[in-house]
Amino acid sequence: NSGVYSSSRTLLSLAENGNAPKFFARINRFGIPIWSVLATCAVGC
């Protein structure tokens, strides 16, 4: 759980700083960086 949380927020920061694709910075209406979360889970899988 901590791994998904911390890595998704790190990927969000990378996207906001231009070090990762911009769509990873997208935040949904729940305040969650949805694409960063899903990408992290996919790579973990």
ModelCIF file with pLDDT and N, C-alpha, C, O atoms, coordinates in Angstrom:
data_MODEL
#
_entry.id   MODEL 
#
_entity.id                         1 
_entity.type                       polymer 
_entity.pdbx_number_of_molecules   1 
#
_entity_poly.entity_id                      1 
_entity_poly.type                           'polypeptide(L)' 
_entity_poly.nstd_linkage                   no 
_entity_poly.nstd_monomer                   no 
_entity_poly.pdbx_seq_one_letter_code       NSGVYSSSRTLLSLAENGNAPKFFARINRFGIPIWSVLATCAVGC 
_entity_poly.pdbx_seq_one_letter_code_can   NSGVYSSSRTLLSLAENGNAPKFFARINRFGIPIWSVLATCAVGC 
_entity_poly.pdbx_strand_id                 A 
#
loop_
_entity_poly_seq.entity_id 
_entity_poly_seq.num 
_entity_poly_seq.mon_id 
_entity_poly_seq.hetero 
1 1  ASN n 
1 2  SER n 
1 3  GLY n 
1 4  VAL n 
1 5  TYR n 
1 6  SER n 
1 7  SER n 
1 8  SER n 
1 9  ARG n 
1 10 THR n 
1 11 LEU n 
1 12 LEU n 
1 13 SER n 
1 14 LEU n 
1 15 ALA n 
1 16 GLU n 
1 17 ASN n 
1 18 GLY n 
1 19 ASN n 
1 20 ALA n 
1 21 PRO n 
1 22 LYS n 
1 23 PHE n 
1 24 PHE n 
1 25 ALA n 
1 26 ARG n 
1 27 ILE n 
1 28 ASN n 
1 29 ARG n 
1 30 PHE n 
1 31 GLY n 
1 32 ILE n 
1 33 PRO n 
1 34 ILE n 
1 35 TRP n 
1 36 SER n 
1 37 VAL n 
1 38 LEU n 
1 39 ALA n 
1 40 THR n 
1 41 CYS n 
1 42 ALA n 
1 43 VAL n 
1 44 GLY n 
1 45 CYS n 
#
_struct_asym.id          A 
_struct_asym.entity_id   1 
#
loop_
_ma_qa_metric.id 
_ma_qa_metric.mode 
_ma_qa_metric.name 
_ma_qa_metric.software_group_id 
_ma_qa_metric.type 
1 global pLDDT . pLDDT 
2 local  pLDDT . pLDDT 
#
_ma_qa_metric_global.metric_id      1 
_ma_qa_metric_global.metric_value   84.53 
_ma_qa_metric_global.model_id       1 
_ma_qa_metric_global.ordinal_id     1 
#
loop_
_ma_qa_metric_local.label_asym_id 
_ma_qa_metric_local.label_comp_id 
_ma_qa_metric_local.label_seq_id 
_ma_qa_metric_local.metric_id 
_ma_qa_metric_local.metric_value 
_ma_qa_metric_local.model_id 
_ma_qa_metric_local.ordinal_id 
A ASN 1  2 80.00 1 1  
A SER 2  2 79.00 1 2  
A GLY 3  2 80.00 1 3  
A VAL 4  2 84.00 1 4  
A TYR 5  2 81.00 1 5  
A SER 6  2 80.00 1 6  
A SER 7  2 84.00 1 7  
A SER 8  2 85.00 1 8  
A ARG 9  2 83.00 1 9  
A THR 10 2 85.00 1 10 
A LEU 11 2 88.00 1 11 
A LEU 12 2 86.00 1 12 
A SER 13 2 84.00 1 13 
A LEU 14 2 88.00 1 14 
A ALA 15 2 88.00 1 15 
A GLU 16 2 86.00 1 16 
A ASN 17 2 83.00 1 17 
A GLY 18 2 86.00 1 18 
A ASN 19 2 88.00 1 19 
A ALA 20 2 88.00 1 20 
A PRO 21 2 90.00 1 21 
A LYS 22 2 89.00 1 22 
A PHE 23 2 88.00 1 23 
A PHE 24 2 89.00 1 24 
A ALA 25 2 86.00 1 25 
A ARG 26 2 86.00 1 26 
A ILE 27 2 83.00 1 27 
A ASN 28 2 77.00 1 28 
A ARG 29 2 77.00 1 29 
A PHE 30 2 72.00 1 30 
A GLY 31 2 75.00 1 31 
A ILE 32 2 81.00 1 32 
A PRO 33 2 84.00 1 33 
A ILE 34 2 85.00 1 34 
A TRP 35 2 89.00 1 35 
A SER 36 2 88.00 1 36 
A VAL 37 2 88.00 1 37 
A LEU 38 2 89.00 1 38 
A ALA 39 2 89.00 1 39 
A THR 40 2 87.00 1 40 
A CYS 41 2 87.00 1 41 
A ALA 42 2 88.00 1 42 
A VAL 43 2 85.00 1 43 
A GLY 44 2 82.00 1 44 
A CYS 45 2 84.00 1 45 
#
loop_
_atom_site.group_PDB 
_atom_site.id 
_atom_site.type_symbol 
_atom_site.label_atom_id 
_atom_site.label_alt_id 
_atom_site.label_comp_id 
_atom_site.label_asym_id 
_atom_site.label_entity_id 
_atom_site.label_seq_id 
_atom_site.pdbx_PDB_ins_code 
_atom_site.Cartn_x 
_atom_site.Cartn_y 
_atom_site.Cartn_z 
_atom_site.occupancy 
_atom_site.B_iso_or_equiv 
_atom_site.pdbx_formal_charge 
_atom_site.auth_seq_id 
_atom_site.auth_comp_id 
_atom_site.auth_asym_id 
_atom_site.auth_atom_id 
_atom_site.pdbx_PDB_model_num 
ATOM 1   N N  . ASN A 1 1  ? 0.827   -1.203 0.000   1.00 80.00 ? 1  ASN A N  1 
ATOM 2   C CA . ASN A 1 1  ? 0.000   0.000  0.000   1.00 80.00 ? 1  ASN A CA 1 
ATOM 3   C C  . ASN A 1 1  ? 0.864   1.256  0.000   1.00 80.00 ? 1  ASN A C  1 
ATOM 4   O O  . ASN A 1 1  ? 0.614   2.194  -0.757  1.00 80.00 ? 1  ASN A O  1 
ATOM 5   N N  . SER A 1 2  ? 1.889   1.263  0.863   1.00 79.00 ? 2  SER A N  1 
ATOM 6   C CA . SER A 1 2  ? 2.816   2.398  0.922   1.00 79.00 ? 2  SER A CA 1 
ATOM 7   C C  . SER A 1 2  ? 3.596   2.525  -0.384  1.00 79.00 ? 2  SER A C  1 
ATOM 8   O O  . SER A 1 2  ? 3.885   3.630  -0.843  1.00 79.00 ? 2  SER A O  1 
ATOM 9   N N  . GLY A 1 3  ? 3.935   1.369  -0.981  1.00 80.00 ? 3  GLY A N  1 
ATOM 10  C CA . GLY A 1 3  ? 4.666   1.389  -2.242  1.00 80.00 ? 3  GLY A CA 1 
ATOM 11  C C  . GLY A 1 3  ? 3.872   2.044  -3.356  1.00 80.00 ? 3  GLY A C  1 
ATOM 12  O O  . GLY A 1 3  ? 4.403   2.866  -4.103  1.00 80.00 ? 3  GLY A O  1 
ATOM 13  N N  . VAL A 1 4  ? 2.595   1.682  -3.472  1.00 84.00 ? 4  VAL A N  1 
ATOM 14  C CA . VAL A 1 4  ? 1.741   2.283  -4.505  1.00 84.00 ? 4  VAL A CA 1 
ATOM 15  C C  . VAL A 1 4  ? 1.576   3.777  -4.251  1.00 84.00 ? 4  VAL A C  1 
ATOM 16  O O  . VAL A 1 4  ? 1.646   4.579  -5.182  1.00 84.00 ? 4  VAL A O  1 
ATOM 17  N N  . TYR A 1 5  ? 1.356   4.150  -2.994  1.00 81.00 ? 5  TYR A N  1 
ATOM 18  C CA . TYR A 1 5  ? 1.152   5.559  -2.648  1.00 81.00 ? 5  TYR A CA 1 
ATOM 19  C C  . TYR A 1 5  ? 2.398   6.400  -2.958  1.00 81.00 ? 5  TYR A C  1 
ATOM 20  O O  . TYR A 1 5  ? 2.328   7.389  -3.687  1.00 81.00 ? 5  TYR A O  1 
ATOM 21  N N  . SER A 1 6  ? 3.534   5.988  -2.391  1.00 80.00 ? 6  SER A N  1 
ATOM 22  C CA . SER A 1 6  ? 4.744   6.815  -2.512  1.00 80.00 ? 6  SER A CA 1 
ATOM 23  C C  . SER A 1 6  ? 5.270   6.869  -3.940  1.00 80.00 ? 6  SER A C  1 
ATOM 24  O O  . SER A 1 6  ? 5.712   7.925  -4.392  1.00 80.00 ? 6  SER A O  1 
ATOM 25  N N  . SER A 1 7  ? 5.232   5.742  -4.663  1.00 84.00 ? 7  SER A N  1 
ATOM 26  C CA . SER A 1 7  ? 5.745   5.751  -6.033  1.00 84.00 ? 7  SER A CA 1 
ATOM 27  C C  . SER A 1 7  ? 4.829   6.542  -6.965  1.00 84.00 ? 7  SER A C  1 
ATOM 28  O O  . SER A 1 7  ? 5.313   7.196  -7.888  1.00 84.00 ? 7  SER A O  1 
ATOM 29  N N  . SER A 1 8  ? 3.513   6.492  -6.738  1.00 85.00 ? 8  SER A N  1 
ATOM 30  C CA . SER A 1 8  ? 2.598   7.265  -7.586  1.00 85.00 ? 8  SER A CA 1 
ATOM 31  C C  . SER A 1 8  ? 2.789   8.758  -7.368  1.00 85.00 ? 8  SER A C  1 
ATOM 32  O O  . SER A 1 8  ? 2.715   9.533  -8.321  1.00 85.00 ? 8  SER A O  1 
ATOM 33  N N  . ARG A 1 9  ? 3.035   9.176  -6.122  1.00 83.00 ? 9  ARG A N  1 
ATOM 34  C CA . ARG A 1 9  ? 3.266   10.605 -5.863  1.00 83.00 ? 9  ARG A CA 1 
ATOM 35  C C  . ARG A 1 9  ? 4.624   11.044 -6.412  1.00 83.00 ? 9  ARG A C  1 
ATOM 36  O O  . ARG A 1 9  ? 4.781   12.184 -6.850  1.00 83.00 ? 9  ARG A O  1 
ATOM 37  N N  . THR A 1 10 ? 5.600   10.143 -6.388  1.00 85.00 ? 10 THR A N  1 
ATOM 38  C CA . THR A 1 10 ? 6.904   10.462 -6.972  1.00 85.00 ? 10 THR A CA 1 
ATOM 39  C C  . THR A 1 10 ? 6.772   10.609 -8.481  1.00 85.00 ? 10 THR A C  1 
ATOM 40  O O  . THR A 1 10 ? 7.355   11.521 -9.068  1.00 85.00 ? 10 THR A O  1 
ATOM 41  N N  . LEU A 1 11 ? 6.003   9.711  -9.120  1.00 88.00 ? 11 LEU A N  1 
ATOM 42  C CA . LEU A 1 11 ? 5.792   9.803  -10.569 1.00 88.00 ? 11 LEU A CA 1 
ATOM 43  C C  . LEU A 1 11 ? 5.026   11.078 -10.917 1.00 88.00 ? 11 LEU A C  1 
ATOM 44  O O  . LEU A 1 11 ? 5.297   11.709 -11.939 1.00 88.00 ? 11 LEU A O  1 
ATOM 45  N N  . LEU A 1 12 ? 4.080   11.450 -10.077 1.00 86.00 ? 12 LEU A N  1 
ATOM 46  C CA . LEU A 1 12 ? 3.350   12.714 -10.259 1.00 86.00 ? 12 LEU A CA 1 
ATOM 47  C C  . LEU A 1 12 ? 4.324   13.892 -10.244 1.00 86.00 ? 12 LEU A C  1 
ATOM 48  O O  . LEU A 1 12 ? 4.252   14.777 -11.096 1.00 86.00 ? 12 LEU A O  1 
ATOM 49  N N  . SER A 1 13 ? 5.229   13.894 -9.277  1.00 84.00 ? 13 SER A N  1 
ATOM 50  C CA . SER A 1 13 ? 6.211   14.977 -9.177  1.00 84.00 ? 13 SER A CA 1 
ATOM 51  C C  . SER A 1 13 ? 7.124   15.005 -10.391 1.00 84.00 ? 13 SER A C  1 
ATOM 52  O O  . SER A 1 13 ? 7.451   16.077 -10.898 1.00 84.00 ? 13 SER A O  1 
ATOM 53  N N  . LEU A 1 14 ? 7.539   13.827 -10.862 1.00 88.00 ? 14 LEU A N  1 
ATOM 54  C CA . LEU A 1 14 ? 8.392   13.760 -12.056 1.00 88.00 ? 14 LEU A CA 1 
ATOM 55  C C  . LEU A 1 14 ? 7.664   14.356 -13.265 1.00 88.00 ? 14 LEU A C  1 
ATOM 56  O O  . LEU A 1 14 ? 8.260   15.080 -14.063 1.00 88.00 ? 14 LEU A O  1 
ATOM 57  N N  . ALA A 1 15 ? 6.373   14.044 -13.392 1.00 88.00 ? 15 ALA A N  1 
ATOM 58  C CA . ALA A 1 15 ? 5.594   14.566 -14.520 1.00 88.00 ? 15 ALA A CA 1 
ATOM 59  C C  . ALA A 1 15 ? 5.442   16.086 -14.421 1.00 88.00 ? 15 ALA A C  1 
ATOM 60  O O  . ALA A 1 15 ? 5.554   16.793 -15.422 1.00 88.00 ? 15 ALA A O  1 
ATOM 61  N N  . GLU A 1 16 ? 5.187   16.581 -13.214 1.00 86.00 ? 16 GLU A N  1 
ATOM 62  C CA . GLU A 1 16 ? 5.016   18.026 -13.022 1.00 86.00 ? 16 GLU A CA 1 
ATOM 63  C C  . GLU A 1 16 ? 6.303   18.782 -13.301 1.00 86.00 ? 16 GLU A C  1 
ATOM 64  O O  . GLU A 1 16 ? 6.266   19.938 -13.722 1.00 86.00 ? 16 GLU A O  1 
ATOM 65  N N  . ASN A 1 17 ? 7.458   18.130 -13.066 1.00 83.00 ? 17 ASN A N  1 
ATOM 66  C CA . ASN A 1 17 ? 8.756   18.771 -13.315 1.00 83.00 ? 17 ASN A CA 1 
ATOM 67  C C  . ASN A 1 17 ? 9.270   18.518 -14.724 1.00 83.00 ? 17 ASN A C  1 
ATOM 68  O O  . ASN A 1 17 ? 10.387  18.915 -15.055 1.00 83.00 ? 17 ASN A O  1 
ATOM 69  N N  . GLY A 1 18 ? 8.457   17.851 -15.571 1.00 86.00 ? 18 GLY A N  1 
ATOM 70  C CA . GLY A 1 18 ? 8.863   17.607 -16.947 1.00 86.00 ? 18 GLY A CA 1 
ATOM 71  C C  . GLY A 1 18 ? 9.782   16.421 -17.124 1.00 86.00 ? 18 GLY A C  1 
ATOM 72  O O  . GLY A 1 18 ? 10.395  16.274 -18.182 1.00 86.00 ? 18 GLY A O  1 
ATOM 73  N N  . ASN A 1 19 ? 9.895   15.564 -16.112 1.00 88.00 ? 19 ASN A N  1 
ATOM 74  C CA . ASN A 1 19 ? 10.788  14.413 -16.190 1.00 88.00 ? 19 ASN A CA 1 
ATOM 75  C C  . ASN A 1 19 ? 10.050  13.106 -16.474 1.00 88.00 ? 19 ASN A C  1 
ATOM 76  O O  . ASN A 1 19 ? 10.653  12.033 -16.464 1.00 88.00 ? 19 ASN A O  1 
ATOM 77  N N  . ALA A 1 20 ? 8.741   13.201 -16.728 1.00 88.00 ? 20 ALA A N  1 
ATOM 78  C CA . ALA A 1 20 ? 7.921   12.047 -17.085 1.00 88.00 ? 20 ALA A CA 1 
ATOM 79  C C  . ALA A 1 20 ? 6.777   12.563 -17.956 1.00 88.00 ? 20 ALA A C  1 
ATOM 80  O O  . ALA A 1 20 ? 6.474   13.756 -17.922 1.00 88.00 ? 20 ALA A O  1 
ATOM 81  N N  . PRO A 1 21 ? 6.138   11.691 -18.735 1.00 90.00 ? 21 PRO A N  1 
ATOM 82  C CA . PRO A 1 21 ? 5.014   12.145 -19.574 1.00 90.00 ? 21 PRO A CA 1 
ATOM 83  C C  . PRO A 1 21 ? 3.977   12.920 -18.772 1.00 90.00 ? 21 PRO A C  1 
ATOM 84  O O  . PRO A 1 21 ? 3.668   12.572 -17.632 1.00 90.00 ? 21 PRO A O  1 
ATOM 85  N N  . LYS A 1 22 ? 3.446   13.969 -19.379 1.00 89.00 ? 22 LYS A N  1 
ATOM 86  C CA . LYS A 1 22 ? 2.559   14.891 -18.665 1.00 89.00 ? 22 LYS A CA 1 
ATOM 87  C C  . LYS A 1 22 ? 1.272   14.240 -18.160 1.00 89.00 ? 22 LYS A C  1 
ATOM 88  O O  . LYS A 1 22 ? 0.711   14.679 -17.156 1.00 89.00 ? 22 LYS A O  1 
ATOM 89  N N  . PHE A 1 23 ? 0.795   13.180 -18.856 1.00 88.00 ? 23 PHE A N  1 
ATOM 90  C CA . PHE A 1 23 ? -0.492  12.614 -18.424 1.00 88.00 ? 23 PHE A CA 1 
ATOM 91  C C  . PHE A 1 23 ? -0.399  11.963 -17.043 1.00 88.00 ? 23 PHE A C  1 
ATOM 92  O O  . PHE A 1 23 ? -1.421  11.712 -16.404 1.00 88.00 ? 23 PHE A O  1 
ATOM 93  N N  . PHE A 1 24 ? 0.831   11.689 -16.581 1.00 89.00 ? 24 PHE A N  1 
ATOM 94  C CA . PHE A 1 24 ? 0.995   11.146 -15.234 1.00 89.00 ? 24 PHE A CA 1 
ATOM 95  C C  . PHE A 1 24 ? 0.685   12.198 -14.166 1.00 89.00 ? 24 PHE A C  1 
ATOM 96  O O  . PHE A 1 24 ? 0.533   11.865 -12.990 1.00 89.00 ? 24 PHE A O  1 
ATOM 97  N N  . ALA A 1 25 ? 0.592   13.463 -14.573 1.00 86.00 ? 25 ALA A N  1 
ATOM 98  C CA . ALA A 1 25 ? 0.284   14.532 -13.621 1.00 86.00 ? 25 ALA A CA 1 
ATOM 99  C C  . ALA A 1 25 ? -1.220  14.767 -13.494 1.00 86.00 ? 25 ALA A C  1 
ATOM 100 O O  . ALA A 1 25 ? -1.647  15.628 -12.724 1.00 86.00 ? 25 ALA A O  1 
ATOM 101 N N  . ARG A 1 26 ? -2.019  14.017 -14.235 1.00 86.00 ? 26 ARG A N  1 
ATOM 102 C CA . ARG A 1 26 ? -3.468  14.204 -14.186 1.00 86.00 ? 26 ARG A CA 1 
ATOM 103 C C  . ARG A 1 26 ? -4.009  13.720 -12.830 1.00 86.00 ? 26 ARG A C  1 
ATOM 104 O O  . ARG A 1 26 ? -3.682  12.626 -12.368 1.00 86.00 ? 26 ARG A O  1 
ATOM 105 N N  . ILE A 1 27 ? -4.830  14.548 -12.218 1.00 83.00 ? 27 ILE A N  1 
ATOM 106 C CA . ILE A 1 27 ? -5.441  14.231 -10.919 1.00 83.00 ? 27 ILE A CA 1 
ATOM 107 C C  . ILE A 1 27 ? -6.953  14.196 -11.095 1.00 83.00 ? 27 ILE A C  1 
ATOM 108 O O  . ILE A 1 27 ? -7.541  15.121 -11.655 1.00 83.00 ? 27 ILE A O  1 
ATOM 109 N N  . ASN A 1 28 ? -7.581  13.122 -10.613 1.00 77.00 ? 28 ASN A N  1 
ATOM 110 C CA . ASN A 1 28 ? -9.031  12.997 -10.792 1.00 77.00 ? 28 ASN A CA 1 
ATOM 111 C C  . ASN A 1 28 ? -9.793  13.787 -9.731  1.00 77.00 ? 28 ASN A C  1 
ATOM 112 O O  . ASN A 1 28 ? -9.188  14.440 -8.880  1.00 77.00 ? 28 ASN A O  1 
ATOM 113 N N  . ARG A 1 29 ? -11.105 13.725 -9.785  1.00 77.00 ? 29 ARG A N  1 
ATOM 114 C CA . ARG A 1 29 ? -11.924 14.543 -8.877  1.00 77.00 ? 29 ARG A CA 1 
ATOM 115 C C  . ARG A 1 29 ? -11.818 14.091 -7.419  1.00 77.00 ? 29 ARG A C  1 
ATOM 116 O O  . ARG A 1 29 ? -12.228 14.819 -6.514  1.00 77.00 ? 29 ARG A O  1 
ATOM 117 N N  . PHE A 1 30 ? -11.271 12.892 -7.187  1.00 72.00 ? 30 PHE A N  1 
ATOM 118 C CA . PHE A 1 30 ? -11.058 12.414 -5.821  1.00 72.00 ? 30 PHE A CA 1 
ATOM 119 C C  . PHE A 1 30 ? -9.720  12.895 -5.248  1.00 72.00 ? 30 PHE A C  1 
ATOM 120 O O  . PHE A 1 30 ? -9.374  12.584 -4.109  1.00 72.00 ? 30 PHE A O  1 
ATOM 121 N N  . GLY A 1 31 ? -8.962  13.671 -6.068  1.00 75.00 ? 31 GLY A N  1 
ATOM 122 C CA . GLY A 1 31 ? -7.657  14.147 -5.620  1.00 75.00 ? 31 GLY A CA 1 
ATOM 123 C C  . GLY A 1 31 ? -6.578  13.092 -5.732  1.00 75.00 ? 31 GLY A C  1 
ATOM 124 O O  . GLY A 1 31 ? -5.594  13.135 -4.994  1.00 75.00 ? 31 GLY A O  1 
ATOM 125 N N  . ILE A 1 32 ? -6.747  12.128 -6.660  1.00 81.00 ? 32 ILE A N  1 
ATOM 126 C CA . ILE A 1 32 ? -5.806  11.025 -6.830  1.00 81.00 ? 32 ILE A CA 1 
ATOM 127 C C  . ILE A 1 32 ? -5.114  11.136 -8.187  1.00 81.00 ? 32 ILE A C  1 
ATOM 128 O O  . ILE A 1 32 ? -5.793  11.338 -9.194  1.00 81.00 ? 32 ILE A O  1 
ATOM 129 N N  . PRO A 1 33 ? -3.776  11.010 -8.252  1.00 84.00 ? 33 PRO A N  1 
ATOM 130 C CA . PRO A 1 33 ? -3.076  10.976 -9.549  1.00 84.00 ? 33 PRO A CA 1 
ATOM 131 C C  . PRO A 1 33 ? -3.297  9.604  -10.189 1.00 84.00 ? 33 PRO A C  1 
ATOM 132 O O  . PRO A 1 33 ? -2.450  8.717  -10.093 1.00 84.00 ? 33 PRO A O  1 
ATOM 133 N N  . ILE A 1 34 ? -4.447  9.450  -10.839 1.00 85.00 ? 34 ILE A N  1 
ATOM 134 C CA . ILE A 1 34 ? -4.962  8.144  -11.246 1.00 85.00 ? 34 ILE A CA 1 
ATOM 135 C C  . ILE A 1 34 ? -4.014  7.395  -12.173 1.00 85.00 ? 34 ILE A C  1 
ATOM 136 O O  . ILE A 1 34 ? -3.795  6.196  -12.000 1.00 85.00 ? 34 ILE A O  1 
ATOM 137 N N  . TRP A 1 35 ? -3.445  8.102  -13.167 1.00 89.00 ? 35 TRP A N  1 
ATOM 138 C CA . TRP A 1 35 ? -2.575  7.407  -14.116 1.00 89.00 ? 35 TRP A CA 1 
ATOM 139 C C  . TRP A 1 35 ? -1.259  6.998  -13.471 1.00 89.00 ? 35 TRP A C  1 
ATOM 140 O O  . TRP A 1 35 ? -0.684  5.974  -13.840 1.00 89.00 ? 35 TRP A O  1 
ATOM 141 N N  . SER A 1 36 ? -0.783  7.771  -12.529 1.00 88.00 ? 36 SER A N  1 
ATOM 142 C CA . SER A 1 36 ? 0.440   7.413  -11.809 1.00 88.00 ? 36 SER A CA 1 
ATOM 143 C C  . SER A 1 36 ? 0.207   6.165  -10.951 1.00 88.00 ? 36 SER A C  1 
ATOM 144 O O  . SER A 1 36 ? 1.065   5.287  -10.866 1.00 88.00 ? 36 SER A O  1 
ATOM 145 N N  . VAL A 1 37 ? -0.973  6.103  -10.316 1.00 88.00 ? 37 VAL A N  1 
ATOM 146 C CA . VAL A 1 37 ? -1.310  4.932  -9.498  1.00 88.00 ? 37 VAL A CA 1 
ATOM 147 C C  . VAL A 1 37 ? -1.406  3.682  -10.366 1.00 88.00 ? 37 VAL A C  1 
ATOM 148 O O  . VAL A 1 37 ? -0.836  2.643  -10.033 1.00 88.00 ? 37 VAL A O  1 
ATOM 149 N N  . LEU A 1 38 ? -2.132  3.786  -11.487 1.00 89.00 ? 38 LEU A N  1 
ATOM 150 C CA . LEU A 1 38 ? -2.332  2.628  -12.357 1.00 89.00 ? 38 LEU A CA 1 
ATOM 151 C C  . LEU A 1 38 ? -1.017  2.184  -13.000 1.00 89.00 ? 38 LEU A C  1 
ATOM 152 O O  . LEU A 1 38 ? -0.779  0.986  -13.153 1.00 89.00 ? 38 LEU A O  1 
ATOM 153 N N  . ALA A 1 39 ? -0.161  3.143  -13.379 1.00 89.00 ? 39 ALA A N  1 
ATOM 154 C CA . ALA A 1 39 ? 1.126   2.787  -13.989 1.00 89.00 ? 39 ALA A CA 1 
ATOM 155 C C  . ALA A 1 39 ? 2.006   2.050  -12.992 1.00 89.00 ? 39 ALA A C  1 
ATOM 156 O O  . ALA A 1 39 ? 2.672   1.076  -13.343 1.00 89.00 ? 39 ALA A O  1 
ATOM 157 N N  . THR A 1 40 ? 2.007   2.518  -11.748 1.00 87.00 ? 40 THR A N  1 
ATOM 158 C CA . THR A 1 40 ? 2.801   1.863  -10.712 1.00 87.00 ? 40 THR A CA 1 
ATOM 159 C C  . THR A 1 40 ? 2.320   0.436  -10.478 1.00 87.00 ? 40 THR A C  1 
ATOM 160 O O  . THR A 1 40 ? 3.129   -0.486 -10.370 1.00 87.00 ? 40 THR A O  1 
ATOM 161 N N  . CYS A 1 41 ? 1.013   0.255  -10.398 1.00 87.00 ? 41 CYS A N  1 
ATOM 162 C CA . CYS A 1 41 ? 0.452   -1.087 -10.182 1.00 87.00 ? 41 CYS A CA 1 
ATOM 163 C C  . CYS A 1 41 ? 0.753   -1.994 -11.373 1.00 87.00 ? 41 CYS A C  1 
ATOM 164 O O  . CYS A 1 41 ? 1.021   -3.184 -11.202 1.00 87.00 ? 41 CYS A O  1 
ATOM 165 N N  . ALA A 1 42 ? 0.708   -1.427 -12.581 1.00 88.00 ? 42 ALA A N  1 
ATOM 166 C CA . ALA A 1 42 ? 0.984   -2.224 -13.777 1.00 88.00 ? 42 ALA A CA 1 
ATOM 167 C C  . ALA A 1 42 ? 2.430   -2.692 -13.798 1.00 88.00 ? 42 ALA A C  1 
ATOM 168 O O  . ALA A 1 42 ? 2.703   -3.856 -14.093 1.00 88.00 ? 42 ALA A O  1 
ATOM 169 N N  . VAL A 1 43 ? 3.363   -1.790 -13.484 1.00 85.00 ? 43 VAL A N  1 
ATOM 170 C CA . VAL A 1 43 ? 4.777   -2.154 -13.461 1.00 85.00 ? 43 VAL A CA 1 
ATOM 171 C C  . VAL A 1 43 ? 5.049   -3.168 -12.354 1.00 85.00 ? 43 VAL A C  1 
ATOM 172 O O  . VAL A 1 43 ? 5.818   -4.112 -12.539 1.00 85.00 ? 43 VAL A O  1 
ATOM 173 N N  . GLY A 1 44 ? 4.407   -2.962 -11.191 1.00 82.00 ? 44 GLY A N  1 
ATOM 174 C CA . GLY A 1 44 ? 4.556   -3.920 -10.102 1.00 82.00 ? 44 GLY A CA 1 
ATOM 175 C C  . GLY A 1 44 ? 4.060   -5.292 -10.510 1.00 82.00 ? 44 GLY A C  1 
ATOM 176 O O  . GLY A 1 44 ? 4.665   -6.304 -10.155 1.00 82.00 ? 44 GLY A O  1 
ATOM 177 N N  . CYS A 1 45 ? 2.950   -5.336 -11.263 1.00 84.00 ? 45 CYS A N  1 
ATOM 178 C CA . CYS A 1 45 ? 2.386   -6.600 -11.731 1.00 84.00 ? 45 CYS A CA 1 
ATOM 179 C C  . CYS A 1 45 ? 3.333   -7.276 -12.728 1.00 84.00 ? 45 CYS A C  1 
ATOM 180 O O  . CYS A 1 45 ? 3.028   -8.356 -13.233 1.00 84.00 ? 45 CYS A O  1 
#
